[in-house]
Structure formats: C-alpha cells, structure tokens
Amino acid sequence: GADAVYAGTAKLSLRSRAELNDDSLEETIKYA
C-alpha cells in the first residue's frame, strides 16, 4: 500500500549500506 518509496545509493548519499546501485535504482523508478 505504499504510495511512494525513498531510496539512496552510496554514490548519491551517505547510505553506504544501500543495496541499490544505479541500474537497480533505475529499475525501481521505472517499475514505480
């Protein structure tokens, strides 16, 4: 039921533990 999600990558933020990379972030955005 989430209307939106927030995510980060190590390159774009301080979220060094994030599992997303540039490709999976793009995949997530397209799916959303």
PDB file of all heavy atoms in Angstrom:
ATOM      1  N   GLY A   1       0.760  -1.249   0.000  1.00  0.00           N
ATOM      2  CA  GLY A   1       0.000   0.000   0.000  1.00  0.00           C
ATOM      3  C   GLY A   1       0.784   1.288   0.000  1.00  0.00           C
ATOM      4  O   GLY A   1       0.182   2.373   0.066  1.00  0.00           O
ATOM      5  N   ALA A   2       2.111   1.247  -0.068  1.00  0.00           N
ATOM      6  CA  ALA A   2       2.891   2.490  -0.093  1.00  0.00           C
ATOM      7  C   ALA A   2       2.600   3.264  -1.376  1.00  0.00           C
ATOM      8  O   ALA A   2       2.496   2.684  -2.456  1.00  0.00           O
ATOM      9  CB  ALA A   2       4.385   2.192   0.007  1.00  0.00           C
ATOM     10  N   ASP A   3       2.446   4.583  -1.251  1.00  0.00           N
ATOM     11  CA  ASP A   3       2.253   5.441  -2.423  1.00  0.00           C
ATOM     12  C   ASP A   3       3.592   5.813  -3.049  1.00  0.00           C
ATOM     13  O   ASP A   3       3.668   6.140  -4.231  1.00  0.00           O
ATOM     14  CB  ASP A   3       1.528   6.729  -2.029  1.00  0.00           C
ATOM     15  CG  ASP A   3       0.156   6.450  -1.445  1.00  0.00           C
ATOM     16  OD1 ASP A   3      -0.676   5.872  -2.165  1.00  0.00           O
ATOM     17  OD2 ASP A   3      -0.079   6.802  -0.271  1.00  0.00           O
ATOM     18  N   ALA A   4       4.635   5.777  -2.229  1.00  0.00           N
ATOM     19  CA  ALA A   4       5.964   6.151  -2.699  1.00  0.00           C
ATOM     20  C   ALA A   4       7.004   5.505  -1.799  1.00  0.00           C
ATOM     21  O   ALA A   4       6.707   5.118  -0.667  1.00  0.00           O
ATOM     22  CB  ALA A   4       6.135   7.667  -2.695  1.00  0.00           C
ATOM     23  N   VAL A   5       8.220   5.372  -2.323  1.00  0.00           N
ATOM     24  CA  VAL A   5       9.333   4.877  -1.516  1.00  0.00           C
ATOM     25  C   VAL A   5      10.484   5.870  -1.634  1.00  0.00           C
ATOM     26  O   VAL A   5      10.547   6.653  -2.584  1.00  0.00           O
ATOM     27  CB  VAL A   5       9.811   3.479  -1.960  1.00  0.00           C
ATOM     28  CG1 VAL A   5       8.713   2.446  -1.774  1.00  0.00           C
ATOM     29  CG2 VAL A   5      10.309   3.496  -3.402  1.00  0.00           C
ATOM     30  N   TYR A   6      11.374   5.838  -0.652  1.00  0.00           N
ATOM     31  CA  TYR A   6      12.599   6.631  -0.770  1.00  0.00           C
ATOM     32  C   TYR A   6      13.788   5.692  -0.710  1.00  0.00           C
ATOM     33  O   TYR A   6      13.770   4.667  -0.030  1.00  0.00           O
ATOM     34  CB  TYR A   6      12.678   7.718   0.302  1.00  0.00           C
ATOM     35  CG  TYR A   6      12.765   7.237   1.730  1.00  0.00           C
ATOM     36  CD1 TYR A   6      14.003   6.988   2.335  1.00  0.00           C
ATOM     37  CD2 TYR A   6      11.609   7.057   2.494  1.00  0.00           C
ATOM     38  CE1 TYR A   6      14.071   6.562   3.651  1.00  0.00           C
ATOM     39  CE2 TYR A   6      11.670   6.637   3.812  1.00  0.00           C
ATOM     40  CZ  TYR A   6      12.910   6.395   4.393  1.00  0.00           C
ATOM     41  OH  TYR A   6      12.985   5.977   5.696  1.00  0.00           O
ATOM     42  N   ALA A   7      14.816   6.031  -1.482  1.00  0.00           N
ATOM     43  CA  ALA A   7      15.969   5.154  -1.604  1.00  0.00           C
ATOM     44  C   ALA A   7      17.206   5.991  -1.868  1.00  0.00           C
ATOM     45  O   ALA A   7      17.129   7.148  -2.274  1.00  0.00           O
ATOM     46  CB  ALA A   7      15.753   4.153  -2.739  1.00  0.00           C
ATOM     47  N   GLY A   8      18.350   5.397  -1.630  1.00  0.00           N
ATOM     48  CA  GLY A   8      19.604   6.082  -1.900  1.00  0.00           C
ATOM     49  C   GLY A   8      20.654   5.090  -2.336  1.00  0.00           C
ATOM     50  O   GLY A   8      20.522   3.883  -2.130  1.00  0.00           O
ATOM     51  N   THR A   9      21.680   5.568  -2.973  1.00  0.00           N
ATOM     52  CA  THR A   9      22.826   4.741  -3.327  1.00  0.00           C
ATOM     53  C   THR A   9      24.061   5.334  -2.671  1.00  0.00           C
ATOM     54  O   THR A   9      24.059   6.497  -2.258  1.00  0.00           O
ATOM     55  CB  THR A   9      23.041   4.686  -4.852  1.00  0.00           C
ATOM     56  OG1 THR A   9      23.417   5.981  -5.307  1.00  0.00           O
ATOM     57  CG2 THR A   9      21.779   4.236  -5.572  1.00  0.00           C
ATOM     58  N   ALA A  10      25.098   4.549  -2.590  1.00  0.00           N
ATOM     59  CA  ALA A  10      26.326   5.037  -1.953  1.00  0.00           C
ATOM     60  C   ALA A  10      26.882   6.245  -2.696  1.00  0.00           C
ATOM     61  O   ALA A  10      27.453   7.151  -2.092  1.00  0.00           O
ATOM     62  CB  ALA A  10      27.371   3.924  -1.907  1.00  0.00           C
ATOM     63  N   LYS A  11      26.675   6.301  -4.006  1.00  0.00           N
ATOM     64  CA  LYS A  11      27.227   7.401  -4.797  1.00  0.00           C
ATOM     65  C   LYS A  11      26.450   8.698  -4.589  1.00  0.00           C
ATOM     66  O   LYS A  11      27.009   9.789  -4.640  1.00  0.00           O
ATOM     67  CB  LYS A  11      27.221   7.032  -6.284  1.00  0.00           C
ATOM     68  CG  LYS A  11      27.921   8.054  -7.163  1.00  0.00           C
ATOM     69  CD  LYS A  11      28.052   7.573  -8.590  1.00  0.00           C
ATOM     70  CE  LYS A  11      26.755   7.730  -9.350  1.00  0.00           C
ATOM     71  NZ  LYS A  11      26.913   7.472 -10.796  1.00  0.00           N
ATOM     72  N   LEU A  12      25.142   8.559  -4.338  1.00  0.00           N
ATOM     73  CA  LEU A  12      24.300   9.741  -4.247  1.00  0.00           C
ATOM     74  C   LEU A  12      24.078  10.219  -2.825  1.00  0.00           C
ATOM     75  O   LEU A  12      23.541  11.302  -2.617  1.00  0.00           O
ATOM     76  CB  LEU A  12      22.924   9.463  -4.891  1.00  0.00           C
ATOM     77  CG  LEU A  12      22.932   9.122  -6.372  1.00  0.00           C
ATOM     78  CD1 LEU A  12      21.517   8.862  -6.853  1.00  0.00           C
ATOM     79  CD2 LEU A  12      23.557  10.247  -7.172  1.00  0.00           C
ATOM     80  N   SER A  13      24.441   9.436  -1.839  1.00  0.00           N
ATOM     81  CA  SER A  13      24.154   9.837  -0.473  1.00  0.00           C
ATOM     82  C   SER A  13      25.120   9.154   0.481  1.00  0.00           C
ATOM     83  O   SER A  13      26.068   8.492   0.078  1.00  0.00           O
ATOM     84  CB  SER A  13      22.711   9.459  -0.099  1.00  0.00           C
ATOM     85  OG  SER A  13      22.582   8.058   0.028  1.00  0.00           O
ATOM     86  N   LEU A  14      24.846   9.309   1.774  1.00  0.00           N
ATOM     87  CA  LEU A  14      25.663   8.665   2.790  1.00  0.00           C
ATOM     88  C   LEU A  14      25.156   7.272   3.133  1.00  0.00           C
ATOM     89  O   LEU A  14      25.624   6.655   4.078  1.00  0.00           O
ATOM     90  CB  LEU A  14      25.670   9.529   4.063  1.00  0.00           C
ATOM     91  CG  LEU A  14      26.269  10.927   3.900  1.00  0.00           C
ATOM     92  CD1 LEU A  14      26.195  11.666   5.218  1.00  0.00           C
ATOM     93  CD2 LEU A  14      27.691  10.867   3.410  1.00  0.00           C
ATOM     94  N   ARG A  15      24.187   6.759   2.346  1.00  0.00           N
ATOM     95  CA  ARG A  15      23.595   5.456   2.634  1.00  0.00           C
ATOM     96  C   ARG A  15      24.476   4.354   2.071  1.00  0.00           C
ATOM     97  O   ARG A  15      24.146   3.687   1.103  1.00  0.00           O
ATOM     98  CB  ARG A  15      22.187   5.371   2.038  1.00  0.00           C
ATOM     99  CG  ARG A  15      21.252   6.403   2.637  1.00  0.00           C
ATOM    100  CD  ARG A  15      19.949   6.474   1.847  1.00  0.00           C
ATOM    101  NE  ARG A  15      19.087   7.475   2.436  1.00  0.00           N
ATOM    102  CZ  ARG A  15      18.201   7.253   3.378  1.00  0.00           C
ATOM    103  NH1 ARG A  15      18.047   6.042   3.841  1.00  0.00           N
ATOM    104  NH2 ARG A  15      17.470   8.226   3.874  1.00  0.00           N
ATOM    105  N   SER A  16      25.635   4.162   2.676  1.00  0.00           N
ATOM    106  CA  SER A  16      26.601   3.211   2.137  1.00  0.00           C
ATOM    107  C   SER A  16      26.124   1.767   2.225  1.00  0.00           C
ATOM    108  O   SER A  16      26.622   0.896   1.526  1.00  0.00           O
ATOM    109  CB  SER A  16      27.935   3.351   2.882  1.00  0.00           C
ATOM    110  OG  SER A  16      27.750   3.159   4.269  1.00  0.00           O
ATOM    111  N   ARG A  17      25.128   1.512   3.081  1.00  0.00           N
ATOM    112  CA  ARG A  17      24.608   0.144   3.195  1.00  0.00           C
ATOM    113  C   ARG A  17      23.500  -0.160   2.194  1.00  0.00           C
ATOM    114  O   ARG A  17      22.991  -1.270   2.157  1.00  0.00           O
ATOM    115  CB  ARG A  17      24.076  -0.101   4.613  1.00  0.00           C
ATOM    116  CG  ARG A  17      25.159  -0.064   5.691  1.00  0.00           C
ATOM    117  CD  ARG A  17      24.568  -0.424   7.034  1.00  0.00           C
ATOM    118  NE  ARG A  17      25.558  -0.445   8.087  1.00  0.00           N
ATOM    119  CZ  ARG A  17      25.309  -0.756   9.346  1.00  0.00           C
ATOM    120  NH1 ARG A  17      24.073  -1.068   9.713  1.00  0.00           N
ATOM    121  NH2 ARG A  17      26.272  -0.746  10.247  1.00  0.00           N
ATOM    122  N   ALA A  18      23.129   0.825   1.434  1.00  0.00           N
ATOM    123  CA  ALA A  18      22.034   0.623   0.487  1.00  0.00           C
ATOM    124  C   ALA A  18      22.395  -0.459  -0.517  1.00  0.00           C
ATOM    125  O   ALA A  18      23.527  -0.536  -1.004  1.00  0.00           O
ATOM    126  CB  ALA A  18      21.724   1.922  -0.248  1.00  0.00           C
ATOM    127  N   GLU A  19      21.420  -1.314  -0.812  1.00  0.00           N
ATOM    128  CA  GLU A  19      21.645  -2.398  -1.764  1.00  0.00           C
ATOM    129  C   GLU A  19      21.450  -1.927  -3.204  1.00  0.00           C
ATOM    130  O   GLU A  19      21.785  -2.639  -4.138  1.00  0.00           O
ATOM    131  CB  GLU A  19      20.688  -3.553  -1.464  1.00  0.00           C
ATOM    132  CG  GLU A  19      20.882  -4.162  -0.075  1.00  0.00           C
ATOM    133  CD  GLU A  19      19.767  -5.126   0.284  1.00  0.00           C
ATOM    134  OE1 GLU A  19      19.285  -5.826  -0.623  1.00  0.00           O
ATOM    135  OE2 GLU A  19      19.379  -5.162   1.462  1.00  0.00           O
ATOM    136  N   LEU A  20      20.902  -0.751  -3.381  1.00  0.00           N
ATOM    137  CA  LEU A  20      20.646  -0.245  -4.721  1.00  0.00           C
ATOM    138  C   LEU A  20      21.927   0.292  -5.344  1.00  0.00           C
ATOM    139  O   LEU A  20      22.723   0.950  -4.688  1.00  0.00           O
ATOM    140  CB  LEU A  20      19.612   0.887  -4.676  1.00  0.00           C
ATOM    141  CG  LEU A  20      18.153   0.495  -4.422  1.00  0.00           C
ATOM    142  CD1 LEU A  20      17.323   1.732  -4.140  1.00  0.00           C
ATOM    143  CD2 LEU A  20      17.586  -0.250  -5.621  1.00  0.00           C
ATOM    144  N   ASN A  21      22.108  -0.008  -6.641  1.00  0.00           N
ATOM    145  CA  ASN A  21      23.125   0.669  -7.422  1.00  0.00           C
ATOM    146  C   ASN A  21      22.399   1.478  -8.497  1.00  0.00           C
ATOM    147  O   ASN A  21      21.167   1.553  -8.501  1.00  0.00           O
ATOM    148  CB  ASN A  21      24.115  -0.327  -8.030  1.00  0.00           C
ATOM    149  CG  ASN A  21      23.417  -1.403  -8.858  1.00  0.00           C
ATOM    150  OD1 ASN A  21      22.387  -1.157  -9.479  1.00  0.00           O
ATOM    151  ND2 ASN A  21      23.976  -2.607  -8.865  1.00  0.00           N
ATOM    152  N   ASP A  22      23.139   2.086  -9.405  1.00  0.00           N
ATOM    153  CA  ASP A  22      22.496   2.937 -10.408  1.00  0.00           C
ATOM    154  C   ASP A  22      21.484   2.170 -11.251  1.00  0.00           C
ATOM    155  O   ASP A  22      20.394   2.667 -11.550  1.00  0.00           O
ATOM    156  CB  ASP A  22      23.557   3.560 -11.326  1.00  0.00           C
ATOM    157  CG  ASP A  22      24.373   4.617 -10.608  1.00  0.00           C
ATOM    158  OD1 ASP A  22      23.987   4.996  -9.492  1.00  0.00           O
ATOM    159  OD2 ASP A  22      25.406   5.052 -11.156  1.00  0.00           O
ATOM    160  N   ASP A  23      21.830   0.931 -11.652  1.00  0.00           N
ATOM    161  CA  ASP A  23      20.936   0.145 -12.515  1.00  0.00           C
ATOM    162  C   ASP A  23      19.663  -0.260 -11.779  1.00  0.00           C
ATOM    163  O   ASP A  23      18.558  -0.165 -12.324  1.00  0.00           O
ATOM    164  CB  ASP A  23      21.662  -1.103 -13.029  1.00  0.00           C
ATOM    165  CG  ASP A  23      22.758  -0.766 -14.031  1.00  0.00           C
ATOM    166  OD1 ASP A  23      22.674   0.317 -14.641  1.00  0.00           O
ATOM    167  OD2 ASP A  23      23.688  -1.571 -14.191  1.00  0.00           O
ATOM    168  N   SER A  24      19.805  -0.728 -10.520  1.00  0.00           N
ATOM    169  CA  SER A  24      18.612  -1.160  -9.787  1.00  0.00           C
ATOM    170  C   SER A  24      17.758   0.029  -9.363  1.00  0.00           C
ATOM    171  O   SER A  24      16.538  -0.096  -9.242  1.00  0.00           O
ATOM    172  CB  SER A  24      19.010  -2.001  -8.560  1.00  0.00           C
ATOM    173  OG  SER A  24      19.881  -1.305  -7.706  1.00  0.00           O
ATOM    174  N   LEU A  25      18.384   1.193  -9.166  1.00  0.00           N
ATOM    175  CA  LEU A  25      17.607   2.400  -8.869  1.00  0.00           C
ATOM    176  C   LEU A  25      16.755   2.776 -10.069  1.00  0.00           C
ATOM    177  O   LEU A  25      15.572   3.099  -9.936  1.00  0.00           O
ATOM    178  CB  LEU A  25      18.546   3.552  -8.501  1.00  0.00           C
ATOM    179  CG  LEU A  25      17.869   4.903  -8.217  1.00  0.00           C
ATOM    180  CD1 LEU A  25      16.892   4.790  -7.060  1.00  0.00           C
ATOM    181  CD2 LEU A  25      18.922   5.969  -7.935  1.00  0.00           C
ATOM    182  N   GLU A  26      17.354   2.695 -11.253  1.00  0.00           N
ATOM    183  CA  GLU A  26      16.604   2.990 -12.475  1.00  0.00           C
ATOM    184  C   GLU A  26      15.458   1.992 -12.654  1.00  0.00           C
ATOM    185  O   GLU A  26      14.337   2.363 -13.023  1.00  0.00           O
ATOM    186  CB  GLU A  26      17.533   2.953 -13.685  1.00  0.00           C
ATOM    187  CG  GLU A  26      16.848   3.276 -14.997  1.00  0.00           C
ATOM    188  CD  GLU A  26      17.804   3.275 -16.177  1.00  0.00           C
ATOM    189  OE1 GLU A  26      19.004   3.037 -15.962  1.00  0.00           O
ATOM    190  OE2 GLU A  26      17.337   3.503 -17.309  1.00  0.00           O
ATOM    191  N   GLU A  27      15.727   0.710 -12.371  1.00  0.00           N
ATOM    192  CA  GLU A  27      14.699  -0.338 -12.476  1.00  0.00           C
ATOM    193  C   GLU A  27      13.558  -0.053 -11.501  1.00  0.00           C
ATOM    194  O   GLU A  27      12.374  -0.202 -11.847  1.00  0.00           O
ATOM    195  CB  GLU A  27      15.319  -1.703 -12.175  1.00  0.00           C
ATOM    196  CG  GLU A  27      14.349  -2.868 -12.322  1.00  0.00           C
ATOM    197  CD  GLU A  27      15.004  -4.195 -11.977  1.00  0.00           C
ATOM    198  OE1 GLU A  27      16.032  -4.203 -11.264  1.00  0.00           O
ATOM    199  OE2 GLU A  27      14.466  -5.227 -12.416  1.00  0.00           O
ATOM    200  N   THR A  28      13.904   0.375 -10.284  1.00  0.00           N
ATOM    201  CA  THR A  28      12.893   0.688  -9.274  1.00  0.00           C
ATOM    202  C   THR A  28      12.022   1.852  -9.720  1.00  0.00           C
ATOM    203  O   THR A  28      10.792   1.819  -9.581  1.00  0.00           O
ATOM    204  CB  THR A  28      13.577   1.031  -7.935  1.00  0.00           C
ATOM    205  OG1 THR A  28      14.387  -0.069  -7.516  1.00  0.00           O
ATOM    206  CG2 THR A  28      12.547   1.334  -6.858  1.00  0.00           C
ATOM    207  N   ILE A  29      12.647   2.901 -10.266  1.00  0.00           N
ATOM    208  CA  ILE A  29      11.900   4.079 -10.722  1.00  0.00           C
ATOM    209  C   ILE A  29      10.954   3.719 -11.864  1.00  0.00           C
ATOM    210  O   ILE A  29       9.785   4.114 -11.877  1.00  0.00           O
ATOM    211  CB  ILE A  29      12.878   5.195 -11.152  1.00  0.00           C
ATOM    212  CG1 ILE A  29      13.622   5.743  -9.926  1.00  0.00           C
ATOM    213  CG2 ILE A  29      12.136   6.321 -11.868  1.00  0.00           C
ATOM    214  CD1 ILE A  29      14.763   6.674 -10.263  1.00  0.00           C
ATOM    215  N   LYS A  30      11.441   2.933 -12.832  1.00  0.00           N
ATOM    216  CA  LYS A  30      10.596   2.545 -13.971  1.00  0.00           C
ATOM    217  C   LYS A  30       9.416   1.684 -13.511  1.00  0.00           C
ATOM    218  O   LYS A  30       8.291   1.856 -13.991  1.00  0.00           O
ATOM    219  CB  LYS A  30      11.435   1.787 -15.010  1.00  0.00           C
ATOM    220  CG  LYS A  30      12.380   2.684 -15.791  1.00  0.00           C
ATOM    221  CD  LYS A  30      13.176   1.892 -16.826  1.00  0.00           C
ATOM    222  CE  LYS A  30      14.068   2.800 -17.648  1.00  0.00           C
ATOM    223  NZ  LYS A  30      14.879   2.051 -18.640  1.00  0.00           N
ATOM    224  N   TYR A  31       9.681   0.767 -12.580  1.00  0.00           N
ATOM    225  CA  TYR A  31       8.603  -0.077 -12.071  1.00  0.00           C
ATOM    226  C   TYR A  31       7.570   0.766 -11.341  1.00  0.00           C
ATOM    227  O   TYR A  31       6.349   0.595 -11.539  1.00  0.00           O
ATOM    228  CB  TYR A  31       9.163  -1.139 -11.134  1.00  0.00           C
ATOM    229  CG  TYR A  31       8.100  -1.976 -10.457  1.00  0.00           C
ATOM    230  CD1 TYR A  31       7.422  -2.977 -11.159  1.00  0.00           C
ATOM    231  CD2 TYR A  31       7.739  -1.743  -9.128  1.00  0.00           C
ATOM    232  CE1 TYR A  31       6.428  -3.724 -10.555  1.00  0.00           C
ATOM    233  CE2 TYR A  31       6.748  -2.488  -8.515  1.00  0.00           C
ATOM    234  CZ  TYR A  31       6.089  -3.477  -9.225  1.00  0.00           C
ATOM    235  OH  TYR A  31       5.096  -4.220  -8.629  1.00  0.00           O
ATOM    236  N   ALA A  32       8.038   1.695 -10.503  1.00  0.00           N
ATOM    237  CA  ALA A  32       7.117   2.546  -9.745  1.00  0.00           C
ATOM    238  C   ALA A  32       6.228   3.353 -10.690  1.00  0.00           C
ATOM    239  O   ALA A  32       5.008   3.441 -10.498  1.00  0.00           O
ATOM    240  CB  ALA A  32       7.902   3.471  -8.826  1.00  0.00           C
TER     241      ALA A  32
END
